[in-house]
Every structure is written in structure tokens, then in C-alpha cells.
Amino acid sequence: MPVIADPQRTRVPGALQHAVLLRRPGTVPDSAFCDGPGSAVQRCTLHRARDTHSKERPMTTRSKTIAAFVAASTVLLAVPAAAMDGEILIDQAKVNAGAITQGDAPGFPATLSRPGRYKLTGNLKVPAGKNGIEVAQHDVTIDLNGFTISSNPPGEAPTAVDAQDVSGLRVTNGTITGFFYAIVTGELGVIEDMRIVSSGHGVALEKGSRIRNSTIANGSAAGITSCKQCLIEQNVVTGNGLSGISVAGGSVLGNVIAGNGDYGLVSSTGDAIWAGYGNNLLFGNNGGNAQVFGPAFQLHPNVCQPACP
């Protein structure tokens, strides 16, 4: 006799009125209860196993708190990174509108009056007679984000980033071109991964600052200047009209200093601290004459053409 399963039922052999279908440890077995063998159509109903070790528990207050926390965390993770880490985004339109920070008037310069991180989202073209960005607070980081700050027209804007009255400026990851000064820092400044080209002076650094992994090229004056007790490492300084690097104490390590109009390295005894230099390549500076001027210790061998002092 055929056995036909109703919805939510299962087929079992017609000879069984009560068949054990499945048994798992710790469970009551799955069972099928069927009509008697005398029925024209035998129907069997499946009874699913129940886990005898588990109990339905209501959600406790602690569980609800954890669930609410997870939900809130999910919402926070969906917020864009700029909003999460407090970055302020800057482009030409925002500079023209003003109010980037408190006290920032419309147009250039963009005034940064609060500490924290700022990121460019487009190129900035600075008109004649105006600075690009003026930093009025300590501990400001400016990420150019691969974009360019330029003087428009070239050579007519004074300074791209001016932070001479504050400490802790950090400028990274972009290009500056066409200014009288590209970057002026206060104490403890950091310049990294920058391309500074066709300006007058490239970078003016104050006491305790660092510049590394950057190119300062084709300026009409000095490449890196006013550097007091600084660390200058892994840069290319070339084609500038005056000296390549000018320091008053500090370390000059692993740089290529070539083809500058005056000495490649100028050292003075700032605060009675002499400069040290090593692993640098100096050639083609000062019209092929002496490459280094002033008292400086060779911390490691340098390659100079003509010979280093």
C-alpha cells in the first residue's frame, strides 16, 4: 500500500505504525506516527527531535546591552574615515568660501586655527600676493593627498605653507610649486614625501625639525635653509640657484645634493653645535669647485666631486 506524506510529513514503510527515523546523542529520536495498515492511503506524521540539553532562555538585560552595543558599533563603522578620525577636507571651493576653521576668512590664505589633521581633496591655485595656507595653531598635519599647491601666476605668491610662529607642523605627500618660499616651519616640524619645485627657497626649517624622502629642485635660491639642529635624510636637492642645504648643527644623511649654484652643503656652528654628514653624494655644486663649506664632521663616508674636505 502506498504511503503519501502530507506537508510537513515524511514517507516511511507502510508496515510500521511507529518508526524511529533518527537519533542523536542527547535528543529524543525523530519519529513517524502512521495510520494503520488497513487504510487505503497511509499517512505518516514526522515528529522532530528535541534537544534535551538546551533550553529556551529569555534575553537577559546583559544580552540586550551587548546586542545594542554591537548595533551601535556597526553604525559607527559605516561612517566615512574622514568623519571618524576628525580630518578636515580642503579644496579650492572651501578656501574661497572660508570658515575652514574659526577665524578663516573667505579666500586665501586658508587659516588653520585648530590642531589636528587636514587633507587636500583637490589642487589649490594661490593668487599673487597671497599665502596659500597659514597655520595658526600647534600640532597641525597637512596631507596634500597627491595634489598640488601652486602660485598662479608662478612666482607671485609669497609662501605655500607658513607655520613660522607655531610648532609641530607636518606636511606630507604632494607637490608645491612657484612660491617665494614653499614651506616655512616653526620648531619640531616634519616634511615627508614632498616634491618642491621651481620655487625661490624650498624649505626653511626651525630647531629640531626633520625633512626626508623629498625632492627640492630648480628653485632660484636655497633648497633647504635655516635648518637648526635638524635631521635631513634621503632627499634629492638639485638645480637650485644658491646652496643645496644650509644647516646650523644637525645631521645630513643619505642625500643626493647635485648641480646647485652655490655649495652643496653649508655648515655653521649654530649654538656651538657642529653638523655631521654621511652617505651623501655631492657633485656639480658651486660650479664644480668645493662642495662643502664650513665646519662639519664626516659621520660616514661621502662621495664628493671634487673631494670632500
Protein backbone atom coordinates (compact mmCIF):
# COMPACT_ATOMS: atom_id res chain seq x y z
CA MET A 1 0.00 0.00 0.00
CA PRO A 2 1.49 3.39 -0.89
CA VAL A 3 2.41 5.87 1.81
CA ILE A 4 1.73 9.54 0.98
CA ALA A 5 3.27 12.23 3.18
CA ASP A 6 1.20 15.29 3.98
CA PRO A 7 3.02 18.66 4.02
CA GLN A 8 5.44 18.70 6.95
CA ARG A 9 5.26 14.86 6.95
CA THR A 10 7.62 12.20 5.67
CA ARG A 11 7.30 8.84 3.97
CA VAL A 12 8.03 5.67 5.95
CA PRO A 13 7.41 1.98 5.20
CA GLY A 14 3.70 1.11 5.34
CA ALA A 15 4.24 -1.84 7.67
CA LEU A 16 5.33 0.44 10.51
CA GLN A 17 2.89 2.37 12.60
CA HIS A 18 5.64 3.98 14.72
CA ALA A 19 9.11 4.20 13.16
CA VAL A 20 12.27 5.67 14.63
CA LEU A 21 13.89 7.75 11.90
CA LEU A 22 16.87 9.40 13.56
CA ARG A 23 18.59 9.56 16.87
CA ARG A 24 21.30 11.94 18.01
CA PRO A 25 23.04 11.84 21.40
CA GLY A 26 21.16 13.95 23.88
CA THR A 27 17.95 14.08 21.79
CA VAL A 28 14.58 12.43 21.71
CA PRO A 29 14.55 10.47 18.40
CA ASP A 30 12.68 11.67 15.33
CA SER A 31 9.56 9.54 14.99
CA ALA A 32 6.80 8.99 12.46
CA PHE A 33 3.26 8.09 13.51
CA CYS A 34 1.26 6.46 10.72
CA ASP A 35 -2.29 5.37 10.05
CA GLY A 36 -2.99 1.67 10.43
CA PRO A 37 -2.18 -0.75 7.63
CA GLY A 38 -5.86 -1.12 6.80
CA SER A 39 -6.16 2.41 5.46
CA ALA A 40 -6.49 2.93 1.72
CA VAL A 41 -3.92 5.67 1.85
CA GLN A 42 -1.48 5.57 4.69
CA ARG A 43 -0.35 8.94 6.06
CA CYS A 44 2.55 9.42 8.44
CA THR A 45 3.37 12.50 10.54
CA LEU A 46 7.01 13.26 11.42
CA HIS A 47 7.82 14.44 14.92
CA ARG A 48 11.19 16.22 15.01
CA ALA A 49 13.81 15.55 17.63
CA ARG A 50 14.12 17.89 20.57
CA ASP A 51 17.49 18.71 22.13
CA THR A 52 17.12 17.62 25.73
CA HIS A 53 20.22 19.56 26.79
CA SER A 54 19.16 23.03 25.53
CA LYS A 55 16.54 25.31 26.93
CA GLU A 56 14.89 28.39 25.53
CA ARG A 57 16.10 31.28 27.60
CA PRO A 58 14.68 34.78 27.54
CA MET A 59 17.12 37.56 26.54
CA THR A 60 18.66 38.99 29.70
CA THR A 61 19.40 42.68 30.32
CA ARG A 62 23.10 41.96 29.76
CA SER A 63 22.38 40.26 26.43
CA LYS A 64 20.26 43.21 25.34
CA THR A 65 23.07 45.60 26.29
CA ILE A 66 25.62 43.62 24.24
CA ALA A 67 23.26 43.49 21.26
CA ALA A 68 22.71 47.25 21.44
CA PHE A 69 26.47 47.85 21.63
CA VAL A 70 27.10 45.66 18.56
CA ALA A 71 24.39 47.51 16.63
CA ALA A 72 25.86 50.89 17.56
CA SER A 73 29.36 49.74 16.59
CA THR A 74 28.08 48.67 13.19
CA VAL A 75 26.64 52.14 12.61
CA LEU A 76 29.93 53.78 13.62
CA LEU A 77 31.93 51.57 11.28
CA ALA A 78 29.77 52.77 8.40
CA VAL A 79 30.84 56.41 8.93
CA PRO A 80 33.48 57.60 6.39
CA ALA A 81 37.09 57.69 7.64
CA ALA A 82 37.32 61.46 7.38
CA ALA A 83 34.48 61.85 9.85
CA MET A 84 35.84 59.16 12.18
CA ASP A 85 39.37 60.47 12.57
CA GLY A 86 38.47 64.16 12.53
CA GLU A 87 40.19 65.11 9.28
CA ILE A 88 39.12 68.42 7.76
CA LEU A 89 38.98 68.31 3.96
CA ILE A 90 40.20 71.27 1.89
CA ASP A 91 39.77 72.19 -1.77
CA GLN A 92 39.63 75.41 -3.81
CA ALA A 93 35.90 75.89 -3.27
CA LYS A 94 36.19 75.54 0.50
CA VAL A 95 39.07 78.02 0.63
CA ASN A 96 37.03 80.51 -1.41
CA ALA A 97 34.04 80.02 0.92
CA GLY A 98 36.08 80.43 4.13
CA ALA A 99 35.25 79.12 7.60
CA ILE A 100 37.54 76.09 7.29
CA THR A 101 38.32 76.78 10.94
CA GLN A 102 37.28 79.55 13.27
CA GLY A 103 38.53 82.91 12.06
CA ASP A 104 39.20 81.77 8.48
CA ALA A 105 38.03 84.47 6.08
CA PRO A 106 36.87 83.67 2.53
CA GLY A 107 39.68 83.29 0.01
CA PHE A 108 43.42 82.85 0.52
CA PRO A 109 45.16 82.33 2.79
CA ALA A 110 43.34 79.36 4.30
CA THR A 111 43.80 79.81 8.05
CA LEU A 112 44.07 76.68 10.18
CA SER A 113 43.36 77.69 13.77
CA ARG A 114 42.82 74.32 15.42
CA PRO A 115 45.20 71.37 15.88
CA GLY A 116 44.60 68.15 14.00
CA ARG A 117 44.66 66.67 10.51
CA TYR A 118 43.81 68.40 7.25
CA LYS A 119 43.66 66.74 3.83
CA LEU A 120 43.50 68.22 0.34
CA THR A 121 40.85 66.84 -1.97
CA GLY A 122 41.93 68.94 -4.96
CA ASN A 123 44.64 71.27 -6.23
CA LEU A 124 44.98 74.77 -4.76
CA LYS A 125 45.87 77.71 -7.02
CA VAL A 126 47.01 80.68 -4.95
CA PRO A 127 46.73 84.21 -6.40
CA ALA A 128 49.54 86.78 -6.45
CA GLY A 129 50.42 88.38 -3.14
CA LYS A 130 48.65 85.76 -1.00
CA ASN A 131 49.93 82.88 1.09
CA GLY A 132 48.39 79.51 0.45
CA ILE A 133 47.90 78.11 3.98
CA GLU A 134 48.68 79.90 7.24
CA VAL A 135 48.94 77.66 10.29
CA ALA A 136 47.92 79.46 13.49
CA GLN A 137 47.94 76.51 15.91
CA HIS A 138 50.49 73.96 17.10
CA ASP A 139 50.43 70.30 16.05
CA VAL A 140 48.83 70.54 12.62
CA THR A 141 49.23 67.86 9.95
CA ILE A 142 48.58 68.72 6.30
CA ASP A 143 48.28 65.79 3.91
CA LEU A 144 48.38 67.04 0.33
CA ASN A 145 46.98 63.66 -0.69
CA GLY A 146 48.86 63.70 -4.00
CA PHE A 147 47.60 67.15 -5.01
CA THR A 148 49.47 70.38 -5.81
CA ILE A 149 49.60 73.84 -4.24
CA SER A 150 50.76 76.30 -6.89
CA SER A 151 51.25 80.03 -7.29
CA ASN A 152 49.06 81.45 -10.05
CA PRO A 153 50.82 83.09 -11.83
CA PRO A 154 54.10 81.38 -10.91
CA GLY A 155 56.48 83.32 -8.68
CA GLU A 156 53.89 85.82 -7.46
CA ALA A 157 52.67 84.24 -4.19
CA PRO A 158 54.88 84.50 -1.09
CA THR A 159 54.54 81.20 0.83
CA ALA A 160 52.62 78.00 0.20
CA VAL A 161 52.53 76.78 3.84
CA ASP A 162 53.51 79.26 6.56
CA ALA A 163 53.83 77.93 10.12
CA GLN A 164 56.74 80.00 11.37
CA ASP A 165 55.04 81.01 14.65
CA VAL A 166 53.90 77.54 15.76
CA SER A 167 55.49 74.16 16.41
CA GLY A 168 54.73 70.61 15.36
CA LEU A 169 53.75 71.20 11.72
CA ARG A 170 53.73 68.11 9.50
CA VAL A 171 53.40 68.37 5.70
CA THR A 172 53.30 65.23 3.54
CA ASN A 173 52.52 63.65 0.21
CA GLY A 174 52.21 66.25 -2.52
CA THR A 175 53.71 68.98 -4.69
CA ILE A 176 54.37 72.69 -4.14
CA THR A 177 55.48 74.88 -6.99
CA GLY A 178 56.05 78.53 -7.91
CA PHE A 179 56.29 80.27 -4.49
CA PHE A 180 58.96 82.52 -3.00
CA TYR A 181 59.05 80.09 -0.05
CA ALA A 182 57.44 76.69 -0.38
CA ILE A 183 57.26 75.76 3.34
CA VAL A 184 58.28 77.69 6.46
CA THR A 185 58.07 75.72 9.72
CA GLY A 186 58.45 76.58 13.36
CA GLU A 187 60.22 74.22 15.73
CA LEU A 188 59.75 70.44 15.55
CA GLY A 189 58.42 70.45 12.01
CA VAL A 190 58.30 67.35 9.80
CA ILE A 191 58.34 67.38 5.99
CA GLU A 192 57.98 63.99 4.27
CA ASP A 193 57.37 62.64 0.79
CA MET A 194 57.15 66.08 -0.80
CA ARG A 195 58.04 67.39 -4.25
CA ILE A 196 59.02 71.06 -4.10
CA VAL A 197 59.94 72.52 -7.47
CA SER A 198 60.52 75.88 -9.16
CA SER A 199 60.14 77.99 -6.04
CA GLY A 200 62.57 80.53 -4.63
CA HIS A 201 63.59 78.97 -1.32
CA GLY A 202 62.41 75.41 -0.93
CA VAL A 203 62.04 74.71 2.79
CA ALA A 204 63.01 76.81 5.82
CA LEU A 205 63.20 74.63 8.93
CA GLU A 206 63.48 75.68 12.55
CA LYS A 207 65.08 73.96 15.52
CA GLY A 208 64.52 70.23 15.93
CA SER A 209 62.81 69.71 12.56
CA ARG A 210 63.16 66.87 10.05
CA ILE A 211 62.87 66.57 6.28
CA ARG A 212 63.10 63.24 4.49
CA ASN A 213 62.20 61.39 1.30
CA SER A 214 61.57 64.65 -0.56
CA THR A 215 62.75 66.38 -3.72
CA ILE A 216 63.68 70.07 -3.70
CA ALA A 217 64.57 71.10 -7.23
CA ASN A 218 65.03 74.01 -9.63
CA GLY A 219 64.44 76.84 -7.18
CA SER A 220 66.02 80.23 -7.66
CA ALA A 221 67.51 80.38 -4.13
CA ALA A 222 68.45 77.75 -1.50
CA GLY A 223 66.98 74.27 -1.40
CA ILE A 224 66.85 73.66 2.38
CA THR A 225 67.77 76.59 4.60
CA SER A 226 67.81 77.94 8.16
CA CYS A 227 67.90 74.40 9.48
CA LYS A 228 68.95 74.49 13.13
CA GLN A 229 69.77 71.17 14.79
CA CYS A 230 67.76 69.29 12.17
CA LEU A 231 67.76 65.85 10.63
CA ILE A 232 67.92 65.91 6.82
CA GLU A 233 67.84 62.47 5.24
CA GLN A 234 67.14 60.65 1.97
CA ASN A 235 66.35 63.75 -0.10
CA VAL A 236 67.24 64.88 -3.60
CA VAL A 237 68.33 68.53 -3.65
CA THR A 238 69.26 69.66 -7.13
CA GLY A 239 69.28 72.56 -9.56
CA ASN A 240 68.74 75.33 -7.02
CA GLY A 241 70.26 78.78 -7.58
CA LEU A 242 72.08 79.07 -4.25
CA SER A 243 73.25 76.41 -1.78
CA GLY A 244 71.70 72.99 -1.72
CA ILE A 245 71.47 72.55 2.07
CA SER A 246 72.32 75.08 4.78
CA VAL A 247 72.46 73.87 8.39
CA ALA A 248 73.42 75.16 11.82
CA GLY A 249 74.05 71.90 13.65
CA GLY A 250 72.30 68.60 12.99
CA SER A 251 72.74 65.59 10.71
CA VAL A 252 72.70 65.38 6.92
CA LEU A 253 72.47 61.74 5.88
CA GLY A 254 71.98 59.84 2.64
CA ASN A 255 71.09 62.74 0.35
CA VAL A 256 71.81 63.46 -3.29
CA ILE A 257 72.99 67.08 -3.47
CA ALA A 258 73.86 67.97 -7.04
CA GLY A 259 74.02 70.82 -9.53
CA ASN A 260 73.21 73.66 -7.15
CA GLY A 261 74.61 77.13 -7.84
CA ASP A 262 76.48 77.51 -4.57
CA TYR A 263 77.97 74.97 -2.16
CA GLY A 264 76.16 71.68 -1.85
CA LEU A 265 76.36 71.81 1.95
CA VAL A 266 76.88 74.94 4.05
CA SER A 267 77.50 74.35 7.76
CA SER A 268 77.69 76.92 10.55
CA THR A 269 78.17 76.37 14.27
CA GLY A 270 74.67 77.21 15.47
CA ASP A 271 74.54 77.15 19.28
CA ALA A 272 78.11 75.80 19.21
CA ILE A 273 76.81 72.52 17.71
CA TRP A 274 78.53 71.35 14.58
CA ALA A 275 76.85 69.49 11.77
CA GLY A 276 77.60 65.91 10.85
CA TYR A 277 77.15 64.45 7.38
CA GLY A 278 77.48 60.99 5.89
CA ASN A 279 76.50 58.73 2.98
CA ASN A 280 75.77 61.75 0.81
CA LEU A 281 76.52 62.20 -2.87
CA LEU A 282 77.72 65.75 -3.64
CA PHE A 283 78.75 66.76 -7.15
CA GLY A 284 78.34 69.56 -9.65
CA ASN A 285 77.63 72.17 -6.99
CA ASN A 286 79.41 75.54 -6.77
CA GLY A 287 80.47 75.44 -10.39
CA GLY A 288 82.49 72.26 -9.80
CA ASN A 289 84.55 73.80 -7.01
CA ALA A 290 84.44 72.90 -3.31
CA GLN A 291 81.24 71.09 -2.39
CA VAL A 292 81.16 71.73 1.38
CA PHE A 293 81.66 74.99 3.25
CA GLY A 294 82.12 75.40 7.00
CA PRO A 295 82.88 73.04 9.89
CA ALA A 296 81.24 69.63 9.52
CA PHE A 297 82.18 66.14 10.67
CA GLN A 298 82.01 63.18 8.31
CA LEU A 299 79.89 60.70 10.23
CA HIS A 300 80.16 58.18 7.37
CA PRO A 301 82.00 58.30 4.05
CA ASN A 302 80.60 60.68 1.45
CA VAL A 303 81.14 60.78 -2.29
CA CYS A 304 82.15 64.24 -3.46
CA GLN A 305 83.40 65.57 -6.79
CA PRO A 306 85.80 67.17 -6.17
CA ALA A 307 86.86 65.51 -2.93
CA CYS A 308 85.05 66.18 0.33
CA PRO A 309 87.05 68.16 2.95
